Amino acid sequence: MAESERPTESTPATAPAGPVPERPSAPRQRVNEIDLLRFIAALAVVFFHYAFRGYAGGDRTLMPYPLLEPIAKYGFKGVELFFMISGFVILMTAANGDLRKFVASRIARLYPAFWACCTLTFVAILLFGGDHFSASLPQYLVNMTMLSGFVGVPSIDGVYWSLFVELQFYALVGAVLMLGRIGQAQIFLALWLLATIVLELFPVGPLRRLLIADYSAYFIAGAACFLIWSRGGSWFRYGMIAICFVLAMRESLGGIAGFERHFNTNMNEIVVAAIIAAYFVVMLLIATRRTGRFGRRRWMTAGALTYPLYLIHQNIGYMAFNIAYPTLNPHLVFWGTLALVLLLSHLVHVQIERRYGGALKRACARMLDALGSGYTRLRTQMFPSA
């Protein structure tokens, strides 16, 4: 979803009868159900763009796809599921308390696929952009830093807006790690939630942006689910999730009117509410370890495709639509384009992420270790112990 398109906009599982004793922090392990959720969220966004947004927005493609439009228009809510998953997974990644490992893992996870997908999209725009898409070399170079959204440079692909939100979340978690307080993540989440509530009552633009107030409920809820998954449930954690649920519902339902005006469509509030409720219910089921039967290793493959698929599908897909339609049957164009971007996603994962991700992570870790050692030596020289 492009930055200019962002909407201006299941009850949580019942807590146990009383606080549950803390269980020891679980060693990090893969939650395969999360991979399935990631893929579902990515497909929801893809179908939103292909079957609704591209045509409804009037500025991307002239190919409608009425067969899926009534359902696909709700797919923009898939991004919120990504944010909940991120809250869970990023807190898991940061749980060991090592800032340098956290930064290295995030760089290695994000940048190789991003560089590949951004480059592919840029080249495709130069070759096939036509009247709908354009990009310059300076714009591309700034985009390759993944910081274009923070310096006012238009994105090569509109889907990058959610990456900028994710980076802000990573920065907040990194700050907690820097303070050596990740073991007290619950306090951080509670303070962030309190600040979000205050900013709902007394909106302050810069603070809302700094604390990601539009989406913080999803990150906090996902992170609280990780605390339940790793340490056990408590009234406090379930209470935080319940408050996040109310905030998420408020934001989602409050944004419907702006979405309807922007795309000249009608949305069913009950459907939107049900989608948000389903996210919370499913994440709580994962948090309370009731979804193990669905955690098949085969979902790892689908989960691995999610990030490159999200990055590469939108503008390249629209350009494929514009090249092939109306010459070819719209069903062939739609499903053929979906197959194309899935293939490209697979190639990016296998040829780029697998091949270079580990090496980049090790290189970043070495560089950060060297910087840390240099800082320690400098501090020792400047402030020698008595």
Protein backbone atom coordinates (compact mmCIF):
# COMPACT_ATOMS: atom_id res chain seq x y z
CA MET A 1 0.00 0.00 0.00
CA ALA A 2 1.49 3.33 -1.02
CA GLU A 3 2.25 5.96 1.58
CA SER A 4 -0.46 8.21 0.16
CA GLU A 5 -2.97 5.35 0.37
CA ARG A 6 -2.68 4.56 4.04
CA PRO A 7 -6.13 4.63 5.64
CA THR A 8 -6.75 7.66 7.81
CA GLU A 9 -8.13 5.47 10.05
CA SER A 10 -12.55 -11.88 18.19
CA THR A 11 -12.34 -10.72 21.53
CA PRO A 12 -9.15 -11.69 23.27
CA ALA A 13 -9.04 -15.09 24.81
CA THR A 14 -10.25 -15.25 28.40
CA ALA A 15 -7.55 -14.93 31.02
CA PRO A 16 -7.11 -17.69 33.54
CA ALA A 17 -8.87 -17.43 36.87
CA GLY A 18 -5.81 -15.92 38.46
CA PRO A 19 -2.24 -15.00 37.71
CA VAL A 20 -0.21 -17.83 36.26
CA PRO A 21 3.21 -18.45 37.82
CA GLU A 22 6.10 -17.28 35.68
CA ARG A 23 7.71 -20.08 33.76
CA PRO A 24 11.39 -19.78 32.91
CA SER A 25 12.11 -17.90 29.71
CA ALA A 26 11.94 -20.42 26.90
CA PRO A 27 14.99 -20.85 24.72
CA ARG A 28 14.53 -19.30 21.35
CA GLN A 29 12.82 -21.65 18.94
CA ARG A 30 10.93 -21.32 15.71
CA VAL A 31 7.16 -20.96 15.94
CA ASN A 32 6.14 -22.47 12.62
CA GLU A 33 2.57 -21.20 12.89
CA ILE A 34 4.00 -17.68 12.58
CA ASP A 35 5.34 -18.57 9.13
CA LEU A 36 1.85 -19.54 8.02
CA LEU A 37 0.42 -16.30 9.40
CA ARG A 38 3.10 -14.29 7.61
CA PHE A 39 2.22 -15.87 4.29
CA ILE A 40 -1.50 -15.32 4.82
CA ALA A 41 -0.85 -11.65 5.63
CA ALA A 42 1.33 -11.23 2.54
CA LEU A 43 -1.27 -12.84 0.26
CA ALA A 44 -3.97 -10.60 1.74
CA VAL A 45 -1.94 -7.52 0.78
CA VAL A 46 -1.14 -8.92 -2.67
CA PHE A 47 -4.80 -9.62 -3.40
CA PHE A 48 -5.72 -6.17 -2.11
CA HIS A 49 -3.36 -4.54 -4.57
CA TYR A 50 -4.11 -6.78 -7.54
CA ALA A 51 -7.87 -7.22 -7.23
CA PHE A 52 -8.80 -3.82 -5.79
CA ARG A 53 -6.31 -1.03 -5.21
CA GLY A 54 -4.63 -0.94 -8.63
CA TYR A 55 -7.88 -0.31 -10.46
CA ALA A 56 -9.86 1.46 -7.72
CA GLY A 57 -7.12 4.03 -7.22
CA GLY A 58 -7.22 4.84 -10.93
CA ASP A 59 -3.50 5.58 -11.08
CA ARG A 60 -1.83 2.17 -11.38
CA THR A 61 -3.67 -0.14 -13.76
CA LEU A 62 -6.82 -0.20 -15.86
CA MET A 63 -7.50 -3.88 -15.26
CA PRO A 64 -10.38 -4.54 -12.86
CA TYR A 65 -10.85 -7.92 -11.23
CA PRO A 66 -14.43 -7.97 -9.96
CA LEU A 67 -14.32 -11.69 -9.14
CA LEU A 68 -12.27 -11.04 -5.99
CA GLU A 69 -12.78 -7.32 -5.43
CA PRO A 70 -15.50 -7.58 -2.73
CA ILE A 71 -13.18 -9.70 -0.57
CA ALA A 72 -9.78 -8.39 -1.65
CA LYS A 73 -10.54 -4.81 -0.61
CA TYR A 74 -10.22 -5.90 3.03
CA GLY A 75 -6.72 -7.23 2.40
CA PHE A 76 -5.09 -3.95 3.38
CA LYS A 77 -5.59 -5.04 6.99
CA GLY A 78 -2.93 -7.69 6.42
CA VAL A 79 -0.30 -5.09 7.30
CA GLU A 80 -1.62 -4.91 10.86
CA LEU A 81 -1.14 -8.66 11.19
CA PHE A 82 2.46 -8.17 10.07
CA PHE A 83 2.91 -5.64 12.87
CA MET A 84 1.51 -8.04 15.49
CA ILE A 85 3.79 -10.80 14.26
CA SER A 86 6.72 -8.39 14.34
CA GLY A 87 6.02 -7.53 17.97
CA PHE A 88 6.19 -11.23 18.84
CA VAL A 89 9.22 -12.14 16.73
CA ILE A 90 11.35 -9.06 17.39
CA LEU A 91 11.01 -9.38 21.14
CA MET A 92 12.02 -13.03 20.74
CA THR A 93 15.06 -11.93 18.72
CA ALA A 94 16.03 -9.33 21.31
CA ALA A 95 15.44 -11.57 24.32
CA ASN A 96 19.13 -12.45 24.74
CA GLY A 97 19.84 -8.79 25.52
CA ASP A 98 22.71 -8.39 23.04
CA LEU A 99 22.32 -5.11 21.13
CA ARG A 100 25.07 -5.89 18.61
CA LYS A 101 23.60 -9.27 17.72
CA PHE A 102 20.16 -7.69 17.40
CA VAL A 103 21.37 -4.97 15.03
CA ALA A 104 23.40 -7.45 12.95
CA SER A 105 20.46 -9.84 12.65
CA ARG A 106 18.08 -7.07 11.57
CA ILE A 107 20.48 -5.73 8.93
CA ALA A 108 21.09 -9.22 7.54
CA ARG A 109 17.37 -9.99 7.57
CA LEU A 110 16.18 -6.81 5.88
CA TYR A 111 18.78 -5.53 3.48
CA PRO A 112 19.76 -8.32 1.04
CA ALA A 113 16.20 -8.97 -0.16
CA PHE A 114 15.41 -5.27 -0.07
CA TRP A 115 18.39 -4.36 -2.24
CA ALA A 116 17.46 -7.06 -4.74
CA CYS A 117 13.76 -6.19 -4.88
CA CYS A 118 14.34 -2.44 -5.00
CA THR A 119 16.80 -2.92 -7.87
CA LEU A 120 14.44 -5.21 -9.79
CA THR A 121 11.59 -2.75 -9.35
CA PHE A 122 13.75 0.20 -10.43
CA VAL A 123 14.91 -1.60 -13.58
CA ALA A 124 11.34 -2.68 -14.37
CA ILE A 125 10.16 0.93 -14.03
CA LEU A 126 12.88 2.14 -16.41
CA LEU A 127 11.87 -0.51 -18.96
CA PHE A 128 8.11 -0.76 -18.54
CA GLY A 129 6.99 2.13 -16.34
CA GLY A 130 5.12 3.96 -19.07
CA ASP A 131 2.82 6.75 -17.92
CA HIS A 132 2.05 5.23 -14.53
CA PHE A 133 5.50 4.76 -12.98
CA SER A 134 8.73 6.74 -12.94
CA ALA A 135 11.94 6.75 -10.91
CA SER A 136 15.29 8.51 -11.05
CA LEU A 137 18.77 7.26 -10.23
CA PRO A 138 19.18 9.57 -7.20
CA GLN A 139 15.78 8.40 -5.93
CA TYR A 140 16.86 4.79 -6.34
CA LEU A 141 20.15 5.34 -4.52
CA VAL A 142 18.42 6.95 -1.55
CA ASN A 143 15.84 4.16 -1.52
CA MET A 144 18.63 1.59 -1.28
CA THR A 145 19.45 2.92 2.20
CA MET A 146 15.91 1.99 3.31
CA LEU A 147 15.69 5.46 4.84
CA SER A 148 13.93 7.33 2.04
CA GLY A 149 10.75 7.68 4.06
CA PHE A 150 12.62 9.59 6.76
CA VAL A 151 14.18 12.13 4.37
CA GLY A 152 11.18 12.88 2.17
CA VAL A 153 12.30 10.98 -0.94
CA PRO A 154 9.49 9.11 -2.76
CA SER A 155 9.68 5.34 -2.50
CA ILE A 156 10.44 3.22 -5.57
CA ASP A 157 7.48 1.10 -4.46
CA GLY A 158 4.71 2.29 -2.16
CA VAL A 159 4.78 -0.85 -0.02
CA TYR A 160 7.98 0.39 1.60
CA TRP A 161 5.96 2.60 3.94
CA SER A 162 5.47 -0.31 6.36
CA LEU A 163 9.24 -0.90 6.47
CA PHE A 164 9.68 2.61 7.82
CA VAL A 165 7.19 1.78 10.58
CA GLU A 166 9.08 -1.44 11.33
CA LEU A 167 12.39 0.43 11.51
CA GLN A 168 10.92 2.78 14.11
CA PHE A 169 9.85 -0.22 16.16
CA TYR A 170 13.33 -1.73 15.86
CA ALA A 171 14.80 1.56 17.06
CA LEU A 172 12.60 1.52 20.16
CA VAL A 173 13.59 -2.07 20.95
CA GLY A 174 17.23 -1.17 20.28
CA ALA A 175 16.98 1.69 22.77
CA VAL A 176 15.71 -0.72 25.42
CA LEU A 177 18.61 -3.07 24.63
CA MET A 178 21.07 -0.20 24.85
CA LEU A 179 19.79 0.60 28.32
CA GLY A 180 20.22 -3.06 29.29
CA ARG A 181 16.57 -3.37 30.20
CA ILE A 182 15.21 -5.99 27.80
CA GLY A 183 14.58 -8.26 30.79
CA GLN A 184 12.08 -5.63 31.90
CA ALA A 185 10.35 -5.52 28.53
CA GLN A 186 6.97 -5.69 30.22
CA ILE A 187 7.58 -2.30 31.86
CA PHE A 188 8.65 -0.82 28.52
CA LEU A 189 5.50 -2.17 26.85
CA ALA A 190 3.29 -0.82 29.63
CA LEU A 191 4.85 2.65 29.38
CA TRP A 192 4.52 2.61 25.58
CA LEU A 193 0.89 1.58 25.90
CA LEU A 194 0.23 4.33 28.44
CA ALA A 195 1.85 6.89 26.13
CA THR A 196 -0.32 5.64 23.26
CA ILE A 197 -3.47 6.14 25.34
CA VAL A 198 -2.38 9.66 26.33
CA LEU A 199 -1.66 10.49 22.67
CA GLU A 200 -5.13 9.25 21.72
CA LEU A 201 -6.62 11.70 24.20
CA PHE A 202 -4.18 14.55 23.53
CA PRO A 203 -2.76 14.12 20.00
CA VAL A 204 0.71 15.58 19.52
CA GLY A 205 1.82 14.96 15.94
CA PRO A 206 5.59 14.55 16.42
CA LEU A 207 5.16 12.31 19.47
CA ARG A 208 2.54 10.21 17.71
CA ARG A 209 4.97 9.63 14.86
CA LEU A 210 7.90 8.94 17.19
CA LEU A 211 5.95 6.35 19.19
CA ILE A 212 4.14 4.92 16.13
CA ALA A 213 0.83 5.63 17.87
CA ASP A 214 -1.27 4.64 14.84
CA TYR A 215 0.07 1.08 14.98
CA SER A 216 1.65 0.69 18.42
CA ALA A 217 -1.29 -1.38 19.72
CA TYR A 218 -0.38 -4.16 17.28
CA PHE A 219 3.32 -4.19 18.16
CA ILE A 220 2.59 -4.09 21.90
CA ALA A 221 -0.03 -6.84 21.66
CA GLY A 222 2.33 -9.05 19.66
CA ALA A 223 5.15 -8.47 22.14
CA ALA A 224 2.84 -9.19 25.08
CA CYS A 225 1.86 -12.44 23.37
CA PHE A 226 5.54 -13.35 23.25
CA LEU A 227 5.84 -12.69 26.98
CA ILE A 228 2.90 -15.03 27.60
CA TRP A 229 4.42 -17.63 25.26
CA SER A 230 7.86 -17.47 26.89
CA ARG A 231 7.10 -16.63 30.53
CA GLY A 232 3.47 -17.54 31.10
CA GLY A 233 0.25 -15.59 31.36
CA SER A 234 -0.67 -12.98 33.95
CA TRP A 235 -3.53 -10.59 34.49
CA PHE A 236 -1.20 -7.73 33.61
CA ARG A 237 -0.22 -9.20 30.23
CA TYR A 238 -3.75 -10.16 29.31
CA GLY A 239 -4.87 -6.71 30.42
CA MET A 240 -2.35 -5.03 28.12
CA ILE A 241 -3.58 -7.13 25.22
CA ALA A 242 -7.20 -6.25 26.00
CA ILE A 243 -6.39 -2.53 25.97
CA CYS A 244 -4.46 -2.97 22.72
CA PHE A 245 -7.51 -4.70 21.27
CA VAL A 246 -9.69 -1.70 22.10
CA LEU A 247 -7.14 0.72 20.62
CA ALA A 248 -6.72 -1.38 17.47
CA MET A 249 -10.46 -1.56 16.98
CA ARG A 250 -10.75 2.19 17.46
CA GLU A 251 -8.06 2.91 14.88
CA SER A 252 -9.39 0.41 12.34
CA LEU A 253 -13.03 1.42 12.53
CA GLY A 254 -12.12 5.10 12.68
CA GLY A 255 -10.20 4.83 9.41
CA ILE A 256 -13.02 3.29 7.38
CA ALA A 257 -14.62 6.57 6.31
CA GLY A 258 -11.37 7.93 4.88
CA PHE A 259 -10.72 4.66 3.06
CA GLU A 260 -14.22 4.70 1.55
CA ARG A 261 -13.79 8.27 0.32
CA HIS A 262 -10.35 7.63 -1.13
CA PHE A 263 -11.37 4.57 -3.12
CA ASN A 264 -15.06 5.38 -3.64
CA THR A 265 -16.18 2.11 -2.11
CA ASN A 266 -18.19 0.79 0.82
CA MET A 267 -16.71 -1.21 3.67
CA ASN A 268 -18.54 -3.40 6.15
CA GLU A 269 -17.55 -2.40 9.67
CA ILE A 270 -18.46 -5.84 10.99
CA VAL A 271 -16.01 -7.49 8.59
CA VAL A 272 -13.22 -5.09 9.57
CA ALA A 273 -13.92 -5.68 13.27
CA ALA A 274 -13.98 -9.45 12.74
CA ILE A 275 -10.60 -9.35 10.98
CA ILE A 276 -8.98 -7.45 13.85
CA ALA A 277 -10.62 -9.73 16.41
CA ALA A 278 -9.36 -12.80 14.55
CA TYR A 279 -5.79 -11.47 14.68
CA PHE A 280 -5.93 -11.12 18.45
CA VAL A 281 -7.57 -14.50 18.98
CA VAL A 282 -5.04 -16.34 16.79
CA MET A 283 -2.06 -14.61 18.38
CA LEU A 284 -3.39 -15.45 21.84
CA LEU A 285 -3.82 -19.07 20.83
CA ILE A 286 -0.18 -19.08 19.73
CA ALA A 287 0.87 -17.35 22.95
CA THR A 288 -0.87 -20.00 25.05
CA ARG A 289 0.65 -22.79 22.93
CA ARG A 290 -2.62 -24.15 21.61
CA THR A 291 -1.68 -24.16 17.93
CA GLY A 292 1.13 -26.70 17.89
CA ARG A 293 -0.79 -29.08 15.64
CA PHE A 294 -0.69 -26.42 12.90
CA GLY A 295 3.03 -25.74 13.29
CA ARG A 296 4.32 -27.77 10.38
CA ARG A 297 7.87 -27.28 9.14
CA ARG A 298 6.58 -26.98 5.60
CA TRP A 299 5.28 -23.53 6.49
CA MET A 300 8.90 -22.37 6.75
CA THR A 301 9.09 -22.30 2.95
CA ALA A 302 5.99 -20.13 2.69
CA GLY A 303 7.25 -17.89 5.48
CA ALA A 304 10.59 -17.47 3.73
CA LEU A 305 8.86 -16.12 0.60
CA THR A 306 6.82 -13.57 2.52
CA TYR A 307 9.32 -10.72 2.75
CA PRO A 308 10.50 -10.71 -0.88
CA LEU A 309 6.91 -11.26 -2.05
CA TYR A 310 5.75 -8.23 -0.10
CA LEU A 311 8.59 -6.08 -1.46
CA ILE A 312 8.35 -7.08 -5.10
CA HIS A 313 4.69 -7.68 -5.88
CA GLN A 314 3.06 -4.28 -6.20
CA ASN A 315 4.61 -2.13 -8.92
CA ILE A 316 6.05 -5.04 -10.90
CA GLY A 317 2.63 -6.67 -10.77
CA TYR A 318 0.88 -3.53 -11.96
CA MET A 319 3.33 -3.16 -14.83
CA ALA A 320 2.67 -6.77 -15.84
CA PHE A 321 -1.06 -6.00 -15.81
CA ASN A 322 -0.55 -2.95 -18.01
CA ILE A 323 1.58 -4.88 -20.51
CA ALA A 324 -0.73 -7.88 -20.84
CA TYR A 325 -4.21 -6.35 -20.47
CA PRO A 326 -6.48 -6.09 -22.44
CA THR A 327 -4.65 -8.27 -24.97
CA LEU A 328 -4.88 -11.31 -22.70
CA ASN A 329 -7.75 -12.67 -20.63
CA PRO A 330 -7.84 -10.90 -17.22
CA HIS A 331 -7.90 -14.22 -15.35
CA LEU A 332 -4.75 -15.31 -17.14
CA VAL A 333 -3.13 -11.95 -16.44
CA PHE A 334 -4.09 -11.99 -12.76
CA TRP A 335 -3.02 -15.51 -11.89
CA GLY A 336 -0.05 -15.46 -14.25
CA THR A 337 1.24 -12.30 -12.57
CA LEU A 338 0.77 -13.87 -9.14
CA ALA A 339 2.78 -16.88 -10.29
CA LEU A 340 5.46 -14.55 -11.67
CA VAL A 341 5.95 -12.62 -8.44
CA LEU A 342 5.96 -15.85 -6.41
CA LEU A 343 8.71 -17.17 -8.69
CA LEU A 344 10.68 -13.94 -8.36
CA SER A 345 10.25 -14.09 -4.58
CA HIS A 346 11.58 -17.64 -4.54
CA LEU A 347 14.60 -16.63 -6.62
CA VAL A 348 15.35 -13.67 -4.35
CA HIS A 349 15.13 -15.89 -1.28
CA VAL A 350 17.29 -18.69 -2.69
CA GLN A 351 19.83 -16.67 -4.66
CA ILE A 352 20.12 -13.60 -2.43
CA GLU A 353 18.88 -14.16 1.11
CA ARG A 354 20.26 -17.66 1.58
CA ARG A 355 23.48 -16.92 -0.23
CA TYR A 356 24.40 -13.57 1.30
CA GLY A 357 22.32 -13.12 4.46
CA GLY A 358 24.59 -15.17 6.72
CA ALA A 359 27.77 -13.55 5.43
CA LEU A 360 26.31 -10.07 5.91
CA LYS A 361 25.24 -10.94 9.45
CA ARG A 362 28.73 -12.15 10.35
CA ALA A 363 30.35 -9.09 8.77
CA CYS A 364 28.02 -6.75 10.65
CA ALA A 365 28.65 -8.59 13.91
CA ARG A 366 32.42 -8.27 13.45
CA MET A 367 32.14 -4.57 12.61
CA LEU A 368 29.88 -3.87 15.59
CA ASP A 369 32.17 -5.87 17.88
CA ALA A 370 35.13 -3.81 16.67
CA LEU A 371 33.22 -0.57 17.22
CA GLY A 372 32.19 -1.73 20.68
CA SER A 373 35.74 -2.68 21.60
CA GLY A 374 37.04 0.64 20.31
CA TYR A 375 34.45 2.53 22.32
CA THR A 376 35.36 0.58 25.46
CA ARG A 377 39.07 1.32 25.02
CA LEU A 378 38.38 5.01 24.40
CA ARG A 379 36.16 5.24 27.47
CA THR A 380 38.82 3.51 29.57
CA GLN A 381 41.47 5.95 28.38
CA MET A 382 39.28 8.98 28.97
CA PHE A 383 37.94 7.85 32.33
CA PRO A 384 40.55 5.56 33.90
CA SER A 385 39.49 3.87 37.09
CA ALA A 386 40.92 5.28 40.24
